[in-house]
PDB file of N, CA and C in Angstrom:
ATOM      1  N   MET A   1     -77.674   7.213 -26.057  1.00  0.00           N
ATOM      2  CA  MET A   1     -77.189   8.637 -26.475  1.00  0.00           C
ATOM      3  C   MET A   1     -78.219   9.489 -26.640  1.00  0.00           C
ATOM      4  N   LEU A   2     -78.097  10.688 -26.022  1.00  0.00           N
ATOM      5  CA  LEU A   2     -79.106  11.723 -26.061  1.00  0.00           C
ATOM      6  C   LEU A   2     -79.167  12.518 -27.335  1.00  0.00           C
ATOM      7  N   HIS A   3     -80.261  12.543 -27.963  1.00  0.00           N
ATOM      8  CA  HIS A   3     -80.426  13.349 -29.186  1.00  0.00           C
ATOM      9  C   HIS A   3     -80.663  14.676 -28.885  1.00  0.00           C
ATOM     10  N   VAL A   4     -79.886  15.767 -29.333  1.00  0.00           N
ATOM     11  CA  VAL A   4     -80.119  17.173 -29.120  1.00  0.00           C
ATOM     12  C   VAL A   4     -80.318  17.813 -30.392  1.00  0.00           C
ATOM     13  N   TYR A   5     -81.326  18.692 -30.512  1.00  0.00           N
ATOM     14  CA  TYR A   5     -81.480  19.453 -31.746  1.00  0.00           C
ATOM     15  C   TYR A   5     -80.783  20.710 -31.708  1.00  0.00           C
ATOM     16  N   ILE A   6     -80.288  21.155 -32.780  1.00  0.00           N
ATOM     17  CA  ILE A   6     -79.544  22.484 -32.836  1.00  0.00           C
ATOM     18  C   ILE A   6     -80.615  23.529 -33.121  1.00  0.00           C
ATOM     19  N   LYS A   7     -80.207  24.721 -32.762  1.00  0.00           N
ATOM     20  CA  LYS A   7     -81.099  25.963 -33.036  1.00  0.00           C
ATOM     21  C   LYS A   7     -81.357  26.083 -34.523  1.00  0.00           C
ATOM     22  N   PRO A   8     -82.570  26.426 -34.841  1.00  0.00           N
ATOM     23  CA  PRO A   8     -82.794  26.652 -36.299  1.00  0.00           C
ATOM     24  C   PRO A   8     -81.976  27.893 -36.839  1.00  0.00           C
ATOM     25  N   ALA A   9     -81.675  27.879 -37.970  1.00  0.00           N
ATOM     26  CA  ALA A   9     -81.001  28.965 -38.623  1.00  0.00           C
ATOM     27  C   ALA A   9     -79.524  29.144 -37.919  1.00  0.00           C
ATOM     28  N   THR A  10     -78.845  28.080 -37.685  1.00  0.00           N
ATOM     29  CA  THR A  10     -77.572  28.138 -37.089  1.00  0.00           C
ATOM     30  C   THR A  10     -76.592  27.424 -37.989  1.00  0.00           C
ATOM     31  N   PRO A  11     -76.159  27.881 -39.051  1.00  0.00           N
ATOM     32  CA  PRO A  11     -75.283  27.136 -39.898  1.00  0.00           C
ATOM     33  C   PRO A  11     -73.901  26.864 -39.431  1.00  0.00           C
ATOM     34  N   ARG A  12     -73.553  27.628 -38.307  1.00  0.00           N
ATOM     35  CA  ARG A  12     -72.248  27.266 -37.696  1.00  0.00           C
ATOM     36  C   ARG A  12     -72.332  26.031 -36.990  1.00  0.00           C
ATOM     37  N   LEU A  13     -73.420  25.742 -36.383  1.00  0.00           N
ATOM     38  CA  LEU A  13     -73.605  24.416 -35.609  1.00  0.00           C
ATOM     39  C   LEU A  13     -73.922  23.329 -36.707  1.00  0.00           C
ATOM     40  N   ASN A  14     -74.647  23.656 -37.689  1.00  0.00           N
ATOM     41  CA  ASN A  14     -75.059  22.619 -38.744  1.00  0.00           C
ATOM     42  C   ASN A  14     -73.903  22.143 -39.464  1.00  0.00           C
ATOM     43  N   GLY A  15     -72.857  22.948 -39.805  1.00  0.00           N
ATOM     44  CA  GLY A  15     -71.799  22.615 -40.421  1.00  0.00           C
ATOM     45  C   GLY A  15     -70.854  21.511 -39.706  1.00  0.00           C
ATOM     46  N   LYS A  16     -70.856  21.594 -38.432  1.00  0.00           N
ATOM     47  CA  LYS A  16     -70.118  20.669 -37.613  1.00  0.00           C
ATOM     48  C   LYS A  16     -70.882  19.316 -37.748  1.00  0.00           C
ATOM     49  N   VAL A  17     -72.239  19.261 -37.649  1.00  0.00           N
ATOM     50  CA  VAL A  17     -72.936  18.100 -37.733  1.00  0.00           C
ATOM     51  C   VAL A  17     -72.877  17.422 -39.146  1.00  0.00           C
ATOM     52  N   GLU A  18     -72.830  18.188 -40.196  1.00  0.00           N
ATOM     53  CA  GLU A  18     -72.786  17.807 -41.537  1.00  0.00           C
ATOM     54  C   GLU A  18     -71.409  17.257 -41.764  1.00  0.00           C
ATOM     55  N   ARG A  19     -70.340  17.801 -41.216  1.00  0.00           N
ATOM     56  CA  ARG A  19     -68.990  17.399 -41.365  1.00  0.00           C
ATOM     57  C   ARG A  19     -68.836  15.994 -40.501  1.00  0.00           C
ATOM     58  N   SER A  20     -69.471  15.774 -39.507  1.00  0.00           N
ATOM     59  CA  SER A  20     -69.435  14.616 -38.637  1.00  0.00           C
ATOM     60  C   SER A  20     -70.179  13.467 -39.594  1.00  0.00           C
ATOM     61  N   HIS A  21     -71.279  13.863 -40.144  1.00  0.00           N
ATOM     62  CA  HIS A  21     -71.961  12.810 -40.937  1.00  0.00           C
ATOM     63  C   HIS A  21     -71.138  12.367 -42.138  1.00  0.00           C
ATOM     64  N   LEU A  22     -70.407  13.309 -42.742  1.00  0.00           N
ATOM     65  CA  LEU A  22     -69.511  12.932 -43.865  1.00  0.00           C
ATOM     66  C   LEU A  22     -68.374  12.045 -43.301  1.00  0.00           C
ATOM     67  N   THR A  23     -67.790  12.267 -42.280  1.00  0.00           N
ATOM     68  CA  THR A  23     -66.656  11.362 -41.665  1.00  0.00           C
ATOM     69  C   THR A  23     -67.300   9.952 -41.408  1.00  0.00           C
ATOM     70  N   ASP A  24     -68.436   9.953 -40.658  1.00  0.00           N
ATOM     71  CA  ASP A  24     -69.081   8.731 -40.452  1.00  0.00           C
ATOM     72  C   ASP A  24     -69.351   7.826 -41.744  1.00  0.00           C
ATOM     73  N   GLN A  25     -69.846   8.701 -42.792  1.00  0.00           N
ATOM     74  CA  GLN A  25     -70.081   7.974 -44.120  1.00  0.00           C
ATOM     75  C   GLN A  25     -68.825   7.412 -44.693  1.00  0.00           C
ATOM     76  N   ARG A  26     -67.814   8.130 -44.782  1.00  0.00           N
ATOM     77  CA  ARG A  26     -66.561   7.759 -45.408  1.00  0.00           C
ATOM     78  C   ARG A  26     -65.851   6.780 -44.614  1.00  0.00           C
ATOM     79  N   GLU A  27     -65.624   6.744 -43.291  1.00  0.00           N
ATOM     80  CA  GLU A  27     -64.791   6.005 -42.513  1.00  0.00           C
ATOM     81  C   GLU A  27     -65.586   4.905 -41.726  1.00  0.00           C
ATOM     82  N   PHE A  28     -66.892   4.935 -41.655  1.00  0.00           N
ATOM     83  CA  PHE A  28     -67.491   3.876 -40.956  1.00  0.00           C
ATOM     84  C   PHE A  28     -68.508   3.091 -41.765  1.00  0.00           C
ATOM     85  N   TYR A  29     -69.550   3.775 -42.178  1.00  0.00           N
ATOM     86  CA  TYR A  29     -70.676   3.179 -43.027  1.00  0.00           C
ATOM     87  C   TYR A  29     -70.262   2.471 -44.334  1.00  0.00           C
ATOM     88  N   GLN A  30     -69.393   3.244 -45.024  1.00  0.00           N
ATOM     89  CA  GLN A  30     -68.932   2.719 -46.385  1.00  0.00           C
ATOM     90  C   GLN A  30     -67.977   1.502 -46.107  1.00  0.00           C
ATOM     91  N   MET A  31     -67.301   1.308 -45.064  1.00  0.00           N
ATOM     92  CA  MET A  31     -66.445  -0.054 -44.790  1.00  0.00           C
ATOM     93  C   MET A  31     -67.318  -1.028 -43.937  1.00  0.00           C
ATOM     94  N   LEU A  32     -68.541  -0.845 -43.631  1.00  0.00           N
ATOM     95  CA  LEU A  32     -69.273  -1.708 -42.853  1.00  0.00           C
ATOM     96  C   LEU A  32     -69.825  -2.934 -43.410  1.00  0.00           C
ATOM     97  N   ASP A  33     -69.668  -4.084 -42.697  1.00  0.00           N
ATOM     98  CA  ASP A  33     -70.329  -5.272 -43.077  1.00  0.00           C
ATOM     99  C   ASP A  33     -70.921  -5.727 -41.775  1.00  0.00           C
ATOM    100  N   TYR A  34     -72.145  -5.910 -41.693  1.00  0.00           N
ATOM    101  CA  TYR A  34     -72.862  -6.224 -40.391  1.00  0.00           C
ATOM    102  C   TYR A  34     -73.914  -7.349 -40.638  1.00  0.00           C
ATOM    103  N   ASN A  35     -74.429  -7.902 -39.562  1.00  0.00           N
ATOM    104  CA  ASN A  35     -75.424  -8.747 -39.545  1.00  0.00           C
ATOM    105  C   ASN A  35     -76.584  -8.579 -38.525  1.00  0.00           C
ATOM    106  N   GLY A  36     -77.294  -7.511 -38.882  1.00  0.00           N
ATOM    107  CA  GLY A  36     -78.500  -7.168 -37.953  1.00  0.00           C
ATOM    108  C   GLY A  36     -78.232  -5.892 -37.116  1.00  0.00           C
ATOM    109  N   ASP A  37     -79.231  -5.506 -36.362  1.00  0.00           N
ATOM    110  CA  ASP A  37     -79.255  -4.384 -35.448  1.00  0.00           C
ATOM    111  C   ASP A  37     -78.202  -4.559 -34.385  1.00  0.00           C
ATOM    112  N   VAL A  38     -78.271  -5.680 -33.777  1.00  0.00           N
ATOM    113  CA  VAL A  38     -77.332  -5.871 -32.591  1.00  0.00           C
ATOM    114  C   VAL A  38     -75.838  -5.663 -33.007  1.00  0.00           C
ATOM    115  N   ASP A  39     -75.473  -6.314 -34.028  1.00  0.00           N
ATOM    116  CA  ASP A  39     -74.174  -6.184 -34.625  1.00  0.00           C
ATOM    117  C   ASP A  39     -73.763  -4.792 -34.919  1.00  0.00           C
ATOM    118  N   LEU A  40     -74.801  -4.023 -35.585  1.00  0.00           N
ATOM    119  CA  LEU A  40     -74.567  -2.718 -36.014  1.00  0.00           C
ATOM    120  C   LEU A  40     -74.410  -1.817 -34.735  1.00  0.00           C
ATOM    121  N   ARG A  41     -75.101  -1.937 -33.748  1.00  0.00           N
ATOM    122  CA  ARG A  41     -74.989  -1.120 -32.504  1.00  0.00           C
ATOM    123  C   ARG A  41     -73.556  -1.446 -31.850  1.00  0.00           C
ATOM    124  N   GLN A  42     -73.133  -2.688 -31.767  1.00  0.00           N
ATOM    125  CA  GLN A  42     -71.859  -3.013 -31.250  1.00  0.00           C
ATOM    126  C   GLN A  42     -70.648  -2.418 -32.063  1.00  0.00           C
ATOM    127  N   LYS A  43     -70.871  -2.431 -33.302  1.00  0.00           N
ATOM    128  CA  LYS A  43     -69.909  -1.788 -34.216  1.00  0.00           C
ATOM    129  C   LYS A  43     -69.950  -0.265 -34.234  1.00  0.00           C
ATOM    130  N   LEU A  44     -71.021   0.388 -33.921  1.00  0.00           N
ATOM    131  CA  LEU A  44     -71.212   1.801 -33.903  1.00  0.00           C
ATOM    132  C   LEU A  44     -70.546   2.189 -32.514  1.00  0.00           C
ATOM    133  N   GLY A  45     -70.676   1.374 -31.481  1.00  0.00           N
ATOM    134  CA  GLY A  45     -70.076   1.748 -30.158  1.00  0.00           C
ATOM    135  C   GLY A  45     -68.549   1.594 -30.357  1.00  0.00           C
ATOM    136  N   GLN A  46     -68.141   0.770 -31.116  1.00  0.00           N
ATOM    137  CA  GLN A  46     -66.595   0.516 -31.337  1.00  0.00           C
ATOM    138  C   GLN A  46     -66.034   1.866 -32.079  1.00  0.00           C
ATOM    139  N   TRP A  47     -66.790   2.228 -33.175  1.00  0.00           N
ATOM    140  CA  TRP A  47     -66.475   3.357 -34.007  1.00  0.00           C
ATOM    141  C   TRP A  47     -66.500   4.643 -33.034  1.00  0.00           C
ATOM    142  N   GLU A  48     -67.454   4.793 -32.291  1.00  0.00           N
ATOM    143  CA  GLU A  48     -67.465   6.013 -31.424  1.00  0.00           C
ATOM    144  C   GLU A  48     -66.256   6.111 -30.565  1.00  0.00           C
ATOM    145  N   ASP A  49     -66.014   4.935 -29.781  1.00  0.00           N
ATOM    146  CA  ASP A  49     -64.751   4.957 -29.082  1.00  0.00           C
ATOM    147  C   ASP A  49     -63.536   5.255 -29.873  1.00  0.00           C
ATOM    148  N   TYR A  50     -63.316   4.713 -31.043  1.00  0.00           N
ATOM    149  CA  TYR A  50     -62.105   4.974 -31.911  1.00  0.00           C
ATOM    150  C   TYR A  50     -62.193   6.445 -32.219  1.00  0.00           C
ATOM    151  N   TYR A  51     -63.222   6.953 -32.582  1.00  0.00           N
ATOM    152  CA  TYR A  51     -63.269   8.397 -33.166  1.00  0.00           C
ATOM    153  C   TYR A  51     -62.967   9.283 -32.074  1.00  0.00           C
ATOM    154  N   ASN A  52     -63.565   9.043 -30.863  1.00  0.00           N
ATOM    155  CA  ASN A  52     -63.343   9.986 -29.845  1.00  0.00           C
ATOM    156  C   ASN A  52     -61.998   9.841 -29.019  1.00  0.00           C
ATOM    157  N   TYR A  53     -61.410   8.616 -28.873  1.00  0.00           N
ATOM    158  CA  TYR A  53     -60.302   8.386 -28.022  1.00  0.00           C
ATOM    159  C   TYR A  53     -58.988   8.087 -28.781  1.00  0.00           C
ATOM    160  N   LEU A  54     -59.013   7.535 -30.009  1.00  0.00           N
ATOM    161  CA  LEU A  54     -57.909   7.226 -30.690  1.00  0.00           C
ATOM    162  C   LEU A  54     -57.569   7.834 -32.010  1.00  0.00           C
ATOM    163  N   ARG A  55     -58.600   8.285 -32.729  1.00  0.00           N
ATOM    164  CA  ARG A  55     -58.477   8.927 -34.010  1.00  0.00           C
ATOM    165  C   ARG A  55     -57.987  10.299 -34.012  1.00  0.00           C
ATOM    166  N   PRO A  56     -56.818  10.683 -34.536  1.00  0.00           N
ATOM    167  CA  PRO A  56     -56.309  12.050 -34.538  1.00  0.00           C
ATOM    168  C   PRO A  56     -57.245  12.877 -35.517  1.00  0.00           C
ATOM    169  N   HIS A  57     -57.427  14.144 -35.069  1.00  0.00           N
ATOM    170  CA  HIS A  57     -58.312  15.110 -35.922  1.00  0.00           C
ATOM    171  C   HIS A  57     -57.447  16.271 -36.341  1.00  0.00           C
ATOM    172  N   SER A  58     -57.513  16.528 -37.565  1.00  0.00           N
ATOM    173  CA  SER A  58     -56.889  17.695 -38.088  1.00  0.00           C
ATOM    174  C   SER A  58     -57.152  18.984 -37.461  1.00  0.00           C
ATOM    175  N   ALA A  59     -58.540  19.072 -37.078  1.00  0.00           N
ATOM    176  CA  ALA A  59     -59.107  20.289 -36.567  1.00  0.00           C
ATOM    177  C   ALA A  59     -58.719  20.486 -35.141  1.00  0.00           C
ATOM    178  N   HIS A  60     -57.958  19.453 -34.528  1.00  0.00           N
ATOM    179  CA  HIS A  60     -57.458  19.563 -33.203  1.00  0.00           C
ATOM    180  C   HIS A  60     -55.927  19.456 -33.070  1.00  0.00           C
ATOM    181  N   ALA A  61     -55.270  19.752 -34.420  1.00  0.00           N
ATOM    182  CA  ALA A  61     -53.851  19.677 -34.369  1.00  0.00           C
ATOM    183  C   ALA A  61     -53.309  18.264 -34.117  1.00  0.00           C
ATOM    184  N   GLY A  62     -54.030  17.248 -34.542  1.00  0.00           N
ATOM    185  CA  GLY A  62     -53.641  15.941 -34.507  1.00  0.00           C
ATOM    186  C   GLY A  62     -54.084  15.113 -33.116  1.00  0.00           C
ATOM    187  N   LYS A  63     -54.810  15.912 -32.227  1.00  0.00           N
ATOM    188  CA  LYS A  63     -55.130  15.350 -31.035  1.00  0.00           C
ATOM    189  C   LYS A  63     -56.636  14.751 -31.206  1.00  0.00           C
ATOM    190  N   THR A  64     -56.934  13.829 -30.277  1.00  0.00           N
ATOM    191  CA  THR A  64     -58.324  13.296 -30.419  1.00  0.00           C
ATOM    192  C   THR A  64     -59.350  14.273 -29.615  1.00  0.00           C
ATOM    193  N   PRO A  65     -60.561  13.989 -29.772  1.00  0.00           N
ATOM    194  CA  PRO A  65     -61.508  14.846 -29.175  1.00  0.00           C
ATOM    195  C   PRO A  65     -61.384  14.741 -27.521  1.00  0.00           C
ATOM    196  N   TYR A  66     -61.169  13.527 -27.136  1.00  0.00           N
ATOM    197  CA  TYR A  66     -60.871  13.361 -25.786  1.00  0.00           C
ATOM    198  C   TYR A  66     -59.689  14.068 -25.159  1.00  0.00           C
ATOM    199  N   GLU A  67     -58.502  14.109 -25.849  1.00  0.00           N
ATOM    200  CA  GLU A  67     -57.353  14.855 -25.602  1.00  0.00           C
ATOM    201  C   GLU A  67     -57.678  16.272 -25.467  1.00  0.00           C
ATOM    202  N   MET A  68     -58.394  16.864 -26.500  1.00  0.00           N
ATOM    203  CA  MET A  68     -58.722  18.285 -26.419  1.00  0.00           C
ATOM    204  C   MET A  68     -59.766  18.594 -25.170  1.00  0.00           C
ATOM    205  N   LEU A  69     -60.522  17.775 -24.970  1.00  0.00           N
ATOM    206  CA  LEU A  69     -61.430  17.847 -23.750  1.00  0.00           C
ATOM    207  C   LEU A  69     -60.671  18.056 -22.440  1.00  0.00           C
ATOM    208  N   LYS A  70     -59.764  17.063 -22.289  1.00  0.00           N
ATOM    209  CA  LYS A  70     -58.815  17.067 -21.123  1.00  0.00           C
ATOM    210  C   LYS A  70     -58.122  18.359 -20.957  1.00  0.00           C
ATOM    211  N   LEU A  71     -57.516  18.752 -22.105  1.00  0.00           N
ATOM    212  CA  LEU A  71     -56.734  20.078 -22.124  1.00  0.00           C
ATOM    213  C   LEU A  71     -57.590  21.260 -21.674  1.00  0.00           C
ATOM    214  N   ARG A  72     -58.868  21.226 -22.201  1.00  0.00           N
ATOM    215  CA  ARG A  72     -59.654  22.454 -21.864  1.00  0.00           C
ATOM    216  C   ARG A  72     -60.133  22.408 -20.473  1.00  0.00           C
ATOM    217  N   MET A  73     -60.382  21.114 -19.873  1.00  0.00           N
ATOM    218  CA  MET A  73     -60.796  20.998 -18.572  1.00  0.00           C
ATOM    219  C   MET A  73     -59.661  21.349 -17.522  1.00  0.00           C
ATOM    220  N   LEU A  74     -58.489  21.044 -17.912  1.00  0.00           N
ATOM    221  CA  LEU A  74     -57.270  21.134 -17.018  1.00  0.00           C
ATOM    222  C   LEU A  74     -56.673  22.630 -17.148  1.00  0.00           C
ATOM    223  N   GLY A  75     -56.893  23.236 -18.370  1.00  0.00           N
ATOM    224  CA  GLY A  75     -56.259  24.563 -18.476  1.00  0.00           C
ATOM    225  C   GLY A  75     -57.204  25.636 -18.549  1.00  0.00           C
TER     226      GLY A  75
END
């Protein structure tokens, strides 16, 4: 995964990152039980797939990020 820095003094962008970190903490890391870095990477990949393709988001009217991306690309 490519790491991209946000522009300095851009709270609009930072708020989205901070919200993402809060969701990760509440729904992934807090429930996590793992055995080493390899296991953690595998579980993180599963979490990313779930978050982007299966988990409904209230900010997207119950759609997943993938569904919203498809709608934007088609419409």
